[in-house]
Amino acid sequence: MNARDIMVTDVVSVTKDTPLNDIARLMVEQEISGIPVLEENGKLVGMVTERDLLVRAKKLDLPTFLPFIGGVLYLEGPGKLDEEVRKATGTRAEEIMTTKIHTVSPDTSLQDLATIMVEQTVNRLPVVESGNILVGMITRSDVVKAVASDLE
C-alpha cells in the first residue's frame, strides 16, 4: 500500500493572499487542522496549521539578552523572534504559513509515511508530483486506518 492508495484528493486549500479569518473559518467548518497554501498553478508553497494560528493568541516572548560593552548579546537567535512576530501580526496566509514542509510522492510506501510522521512529528503530509504540484493529502488518521486494515 502506498500514498496514492490512502490519500485524500479533494483537498481544501488556500492562496497566499487568503485572509486569516477565512482560513480559520475553513479549518473549523471542514474540521481540519492544516490547510495547504498553493500558487495558482497548484504548486505547494506553504501550510497553515492550527499551531500557526495559535501563535496569534499566545504571549509574545521577547528575547533574553545580556548587555556587553558596545551592544547587546542575544541568548536566542533573532530568527525565532522574527518568526513569532511575523505570525503574531500577519493577516494573510503568506505571512503566517510554514514553508518548511515534509512532502511525499504518490509512490511513498505506508511504512515510509508512518516513519516520516513519527520521526518528523508531523500530522499531515502533502502528496506532490513533479514541480511540487499538490495531488493529495495524508493525515495521521489515514495512516492509522491503513495500518488497521492491514492488521485485519
C-alpha atoms as a PDB file:
ATOM      1  CA  MET A   1       0.000   0.000   0.000  1.00  0.00           C
ATOM      2  CA  ASN A   2       1.314   3.463  -0.821  1.00  0.00           C
ATOM      3  CA  ALA A   3       0.343   7.132  -0.589  1.00  0.00           C
ATOM      4  CA  ARG A   4      -1.848   7.112  -3.710  1.00  0.00           C
ATOM      5  CA  ASP A   5      -3.980   4.349  -2.142  1.00  0.00           C
ATOM      6  CA  ILE A   6      -4.857   6.300   1.003  1.00  0.00           C
ATOM      7  CA  MET A   7      -4.519   9.988   0.121  1.00  0.00           C
ATOM      8  CA  VAL A   8      -7.458  12.361   0.005  1.00  0.00           C
ATOM      9  CA  THR A   9      -7.562  14.045  -3.391  1.00  0.00           C
ATOM     10  CA  ASP A  10     -10.287  16.614  -2.716  1.00  0.00           C
ATOM     11  CA  VAL A  11      -8.014  18.864  -0.652  1.00  0.00           C
ATOM     12  CA  VAL A  12      -9.193  22.160   0.814  1.00  0.00           C
ATOM     13  CA  SER A  13      -6.535  24.746   0.002  1.00  0.00           C
ATOM     14  CA  VAL A  14      -5.953  28.499   0.060  1.00  0.00           C
ATOM     15  CA  THR A  15      -3.752  31.014  -1.742  1.00  0.00           C
ATOM     16  CA  LYS A  16      -1.031  33.222  -0.267  1.00  0.00           C
ATOM     17  CA  ASP A  17      -3.471  36.162  -0.166  1.00  0.00           C
ATOM     18  CA  THR A  18      -6.256  34.379   1.741  1.00  0.00           C
ATOM     19  CA  PRO A  19      -7.159  36.328   4.906  1.00  0.00           C
ATOM     20  CA  LEU A  20      -6.614  34.545   8.214  1.00  0.00           C
ATOM     21  CA  ASN A  21     -10.262  34.824   9.224  1.00  0.00           C
ATOM     22  CA  ASP A  22     -11.193  32.840   6.088  1.00  0.00           C
ATOM     23  CA  ILE A  23      -8.544  30.234   6.885  1.00  0.00           C
ATOM     24  CA  ALA A  24      -9.714  29.846  10.490  1.00  0.00           C
ATOM     25  CA  ARG A  25     -13.339  29.552   9.331  1.00  0.00           C
ATOM     26  CA  LEU A  26     -12.417  26.884   6.759  1.00  0.00           C
ATOM     27  CA  MET A  27     -10.476  24.902   9.346  1.00  0.00           C
ATOM     28  CA  VAL A  28     -13.439  24.923  11.724  1.00  0.00           C
ATOM     29  CA  GLU A  29     -16.066  24.183   9.058  1.00  0.00           C
ATOM     30  CA  GLN A  30     -14.046  21.409   7.395  1.00  0.00           C
ATOM     31  CA  GLU A  31     -12.781  20.027  10.735  1.00  0.00           C
ATOM     32  CA  ILE A  32      -9.168  20.063   9.564  1.00  0.00           C
ATOM     33  CA  SER A  33      -6.012  21.103  11.385  1.00  0.00           C
ATOM     34  CA  GLY A  34      -3.970  22.304   8.433  1.00  0.00           C
ATOM     35  CA  ILE A  35      -4.516  23.860   5.027  1.00  0.00           C
ATOM     36  CA  PRO A  36      -2.037  23.845   2.147  1.00  0.00           C
ATOM     37  CA  VAL A  37      -1.178  27.175   0.540  1.00  0.00           C
ATOM     38  CA  LEU A  38      -0.966  26.942  -3.245  1.00  0.00           C
ATOM     39  CA  GLU A  39       0.056  29.154  -6.113  1.00  0.00           C
ATOM     40  CA  GLU A  40      -2.432  29.463  -8.994  1.00  0.00           C
ATOM     41  CA  ASN A  41      -0.796  26.556 -10.852  1.00  0.00           C
ATOM     42  CA  GLY A  42      -1.325  24.190  -7.898  1.00  0.00           C
ATOM     43  CA  LYS A  43       2.255  24.400  -6.641  1.00  0.00           C
ATOM     44  CA  LEU A  44       2.543  23.904  -2.884  1.00  0.00           C
ATOM     45  CA  VAL A  45       4.292  26.867  -1.250  1.00  0.00           C
ATOM     46  CA  GLY A  46       3.316  26.508   2.396  1.00  0.00           C
ATOM     47  CA  MET A  47       0.963  25.171   5.025  1.00  0.00           C
ATOM     48  CA  VAL A  48      -1.131  26.984   7.615  1.00  0.00           C
ATOM     49  CA  THR A  49      -1.735  24.839  10.672  1.00  0.00           C
ATOM     50  CA  GLU A  50      -3.605  25.257  13.921  1.00  0.00           C
ATOM     51  CA  ARG A  51      -0.236  25.920  15.534  1.00  0.00           C
ATOM     52  CA  ASP A  52       0.411  28.824  13.152  1.00  0.00           C
ATOM     53  CA  LEU A  53      -2.922  30.348  14.156  1.00  0.00           C
ATOM     54  CA  LEU A  54      -2.337  29.714  17.864  1.00  0.00           C
ATOM     55  CA  VAL A  55       0.754  31.914  17.784  1.00  0.00           C
ATOM     56  CA  ARG A  56      -1.602  34.875  17.375  1.00  0.00           C
ATOM     57  CA  ALA A  57      -3.171  34.137  20.757  1.00  0.00           C
ATOM     58  CA  LYS A  58      -0.009  33.308  22.678  1.00  0.00           C
ATOM     59  CA  LYS A  59       2.098  35.670  24.714  1.00  0.00           C
ATOM     60  CA  LEU A  60       4.943  37.009  22.595  1.00  0.00           C
ATOM     61  CA  ASP A  61       8.255  36.100  24.232  1.00  0.00           C
ATOM     62  CA  LEU A  62      10.836  38.819  23.854  1.00  0.00           C
ATOM     63  CA  PRO A  63      14.411  37.555  23.623  1.00  0.00           C
ATOM     64  CA  THR A  64      16.591  37.253  26.665  1.00  0.00           C
ATOM     65  CA  PHE A  65      19.692  39.378  26.341  1.00  0.00           C
ATOM     66  CA  LEU A  66      22.791  40.270  28.269  1.00  0.00           C
ATOM     67  CA  PRO A  67      24.401  43.682  27.974  1.00  0.00           C
ATOM     68  CA  PHE A  68      28.018  43.765  26.908  1.00  0.00           C
ATOM     69  CA  ILE A  69      30.378  46.533  26.000  1.00  0.00           C
ATOM     70  CA  GLY A  70      29.304  48.013  22.702  1.00  0.00           C
ATOM     71  CA  GLY A  71      25.846  46.467  22.344  1.00  0.00           C
ATOM     72  CA  VAL A  72      23.558  43.564  23.203  1.00  0.00           C
ATOM     73  CA  LEU A  73      24.317  39.849  23.235  1.00  0.00           C
ATOM     74  CA  TYR A  74      21.218  37.801  22.389  1.00  0.00           C
ATOM     75  CA  LEU A  75      20.978  34.385  24.027  1.00  0.00           C
ATOM     76  CA  GLU A  76      18.467  33.245  21.460  1.00  0.00           C
ATOM     77  CA  GLY A  77      18.779  33.846  17.741  1.00  0.00           C
ATOM     78  CA  PRO A  78      16.775  36.730  16.292  1.00  0.00           C
ATOM     79  CA  GLY A  79      15.268  34.391  13.675  1.00  0.00           C
ATOM     80  CA  LYS A  80      12.875  32.806  16.165  1.00  0.00           C
ATOM     81  CA  LEU A  81      11.660  36.211  17.332  1.00  0.00           C
ATOM     82  CA  ASP A  82      11.216  37.362  13.725  1.00  0.00           C
ATOM     83  CA  GLU A  83       9.081  34.298  13.002  1.00  0.00           C
ATOM     84  CA  GLU A  84       6.912  34.758  16.101  1.00  0.00           C
ATOM     85  CA  VAL A  85       6.365  38.458  15.380  1.00  0.00           C
ATOM     86  CA  ARG A  86       5.513  37.678  11.740  1.00  0.00           C
ATOM     87  CA  LYS A  87       2.992  35.027  12.737  1.00  0.00           C
ATOM     88  CA  ALA A  88       1.537  37.108  15.573  1.00  0.00           C
ATOM     89  CA  THR A  89       0.940  40.130  13.349  1.00  0.00           C
ATOM     90  CA  GLY A  90       0.190  38.536   9.974  1.00  0.00           C
ATOM     91  CA  THR A  91      -3.193  38.908   8.334  1.00  0.00           C
ATOM     92  CA  ARG A  92      -2.793  36.675   5.267  1.00  0.00           C
ATOM     93  CA  ALA A  93      -1.714  33.077   4.676  1.00  0.00           C
ATOM     94  CA  GLU A  94       1.643  34.103   3.226  1.00  0.00           C
ATOM     95  CA  GLU A  95       2.546  35.966   6.416  1.00  0.00           C
ATOM     96  CA  ILE A  96       1.984  33.083   8.832  1.00  0.00           C
ATOM     97  CA  MET A  97       2.402  29.910   6.765  1.00  0.00           C
ATOM     98  CA  THR A  98       5.053  27.334   7.469  1.00  0.00           C
ATOM     99  CA  THR A  99       7.271  26.913   4.419  1.00  0.00           C
ATOM    100  CA  LYS A 100       9.486  24.038   5.556  1.00  0.00           C
ATOM    101  CA  ILE A 101       7.104  21.190   4.762  1.00  0.00           C
ATOM    102  CA  HIS A 102       7.707  17.471   4.569  1.00  0.00           C
ATOM    103  CA  THR A 103       6.123  16.151   1.364  1.00  0.00           C
ATOM    104  CA  VAL A 104       5.808  12.700  -0.184  1.00  0.00           C
ATOM    105  CA  SER A 105       5.190  11.305  -3.647  1.00  0.00           C
ATOM    106  CA  PRO A 106       2.188   9.169  -4.613  1.00  0.00           C
ATOM    107  CA  ASP A 107       4.519   6.133  -4.588  1.00  0.00           C
ATOM    108  CA  THR A 108       5.713   6.571  -0.993  1.00  0.00           C
ATOM    109  CA  SER A 109       5.101   3.347   0.961  1.00  0.00           C
ATOM    110  CA  LEU A 110       2.848   3.116   4.014  1.00  0.00           C
ATOM    111  CA  GLN A 111       5.892   2.237   6.112  1.00  0.00           C
ATOM    112  CA  ASP A 112       7.756   5.343   4.909  1.00  0.00           C
ATOM    113  CA  LEU A 113       4.687   7.540   5.539  1.00  0.00           C
ATOM    114  CA  ALA A 114       4.447   6.312   9.123  1.00  0.00           C
ATOM    115  CA  THR A 115       8.190   6.707   9.648  1.00  0.00           C
ATOM    116  CA  ILE A 116       8.179  10.307   8.410  1.00  0.00           C
ATOM    117  CA  MET A 117       5.170  11.215  10.560  1.00  0.00           C
ATOM    118  CA  VAL A 118       6.681   9.714  13.700  1.00  0.00           C
ATOM    119  CA  GLU A 119      10.276  10.858  13.245  1.00  0.00           C
ATOM    120  CA  GLN A 120       9.432  14.365  11.991  1.00  0.00           C
ATOM    121  CA  THR A 121       6.443  14.818  14.341  1.00  0.00           C
ATOM    122  CA  VAL A 122       4.050  15.868  11.584  1.00  0.00           C
ATOM    123  CA  ASN A 123       0.289  15.372  11.499  1.00  0.00           C
ATOM    124  CA  ARG A 124      -0.174  15.610   7.748  1.00  0.00           C
ATOM    125  CA  LEU A 125       1.831  15.007   4.609  1.00  0.00           C
ATOM    126  CA  PRO A 126       1.066  16.742   1.334  1.00  0.00           C
ATOM    127  CA  VAL A 127       1.388  14.402  -1.645  1.00  0.00           C
ATOM    128  CA  VAL A 128       3.097  16.155  -4.549  1.00  0.00           C
ATOM    129  CA  GLU A 129       4.193  15.325  -8.063  1.00  0.00           C
ATOM    130  CA  SER A 130       6.894  16.946 -10.192  1.00  0.00           C
ATOM    131  CA  GLY A 131       7.100  20.691  -9.773  1.00  0.00           C
ATOM    132  CA  ASN A 132       5.741  20.378  -6.214  1.00  0.00           C
ATOM    133  CA  ILE A 133       2.169  20.208  -7.555  1.00  0.00           C
ATOM    134  CA  LEU A 134      -0.246  19.113  -4.818  1.00  0.00           C
ATOM    135  CA  VAL A 135      -2.206  15.980  -5.748  1.00  0.00           C
ATOM    136  CA  GLY A 136      -3.390  14.823  -2.319  1.00  0.00           C
ATOM    137  CA  MET A 137      -3.087  14.934   1.443  1.00  0.00           C
ATOM    138  CA  ILE A 138      -2.484  12.224   4.021  1.00  0.00           C
ATOM    139  CA  THR A 139      -3.189  12.654   7.724  1.00  0.00           C
ATOM    140  CA  ARG A 140      -2.186  10.514  10.661  1.00  0.00           C
ATOM    141  CA  SER A 141      -5.705   9.087  10.810  1.00  0.00           C
ATOM    142  CA  ASP A 142      -5.408   7.999   7.145  1.00  0.00           C
ATOM    143  CA  VAL A 143      -2.251   6.071   8.013  1.00  0.00           C
ATOM    144  CA  VAL A 144      -3.833   4.550  11.145  1.00  0.00           C
ATOM    145  CA  LYS A 145      -6.833   3.377   9.089  1.00  0.00           C
ATOM    146  CA  ALA A 146      -4.474   1.771   6.556  1.00  0.00           C
ATOM    147  CA  VAL A 147      -2.494   0.060   9.324  1.00  0.00           C
ATOM    148  CA  ALA A 148      -5.729  -1.215  10.904  1.00  0.00           C
ATOM    149  CA  SER A 149      -6.833  -2.545   7.522  1.00  0.00           C
ATOM    150  CA  ASP A 150      -3.509  -4.368   7.114  1.00  0.00           C
ATOM    151  CA  LEU A 151      -3.894  -5.906  10.576  1.00  0.00           C
ATOM    152  CA  GLU A 152      -7.256  -7.475   9.739  1.00  0.00           C
END
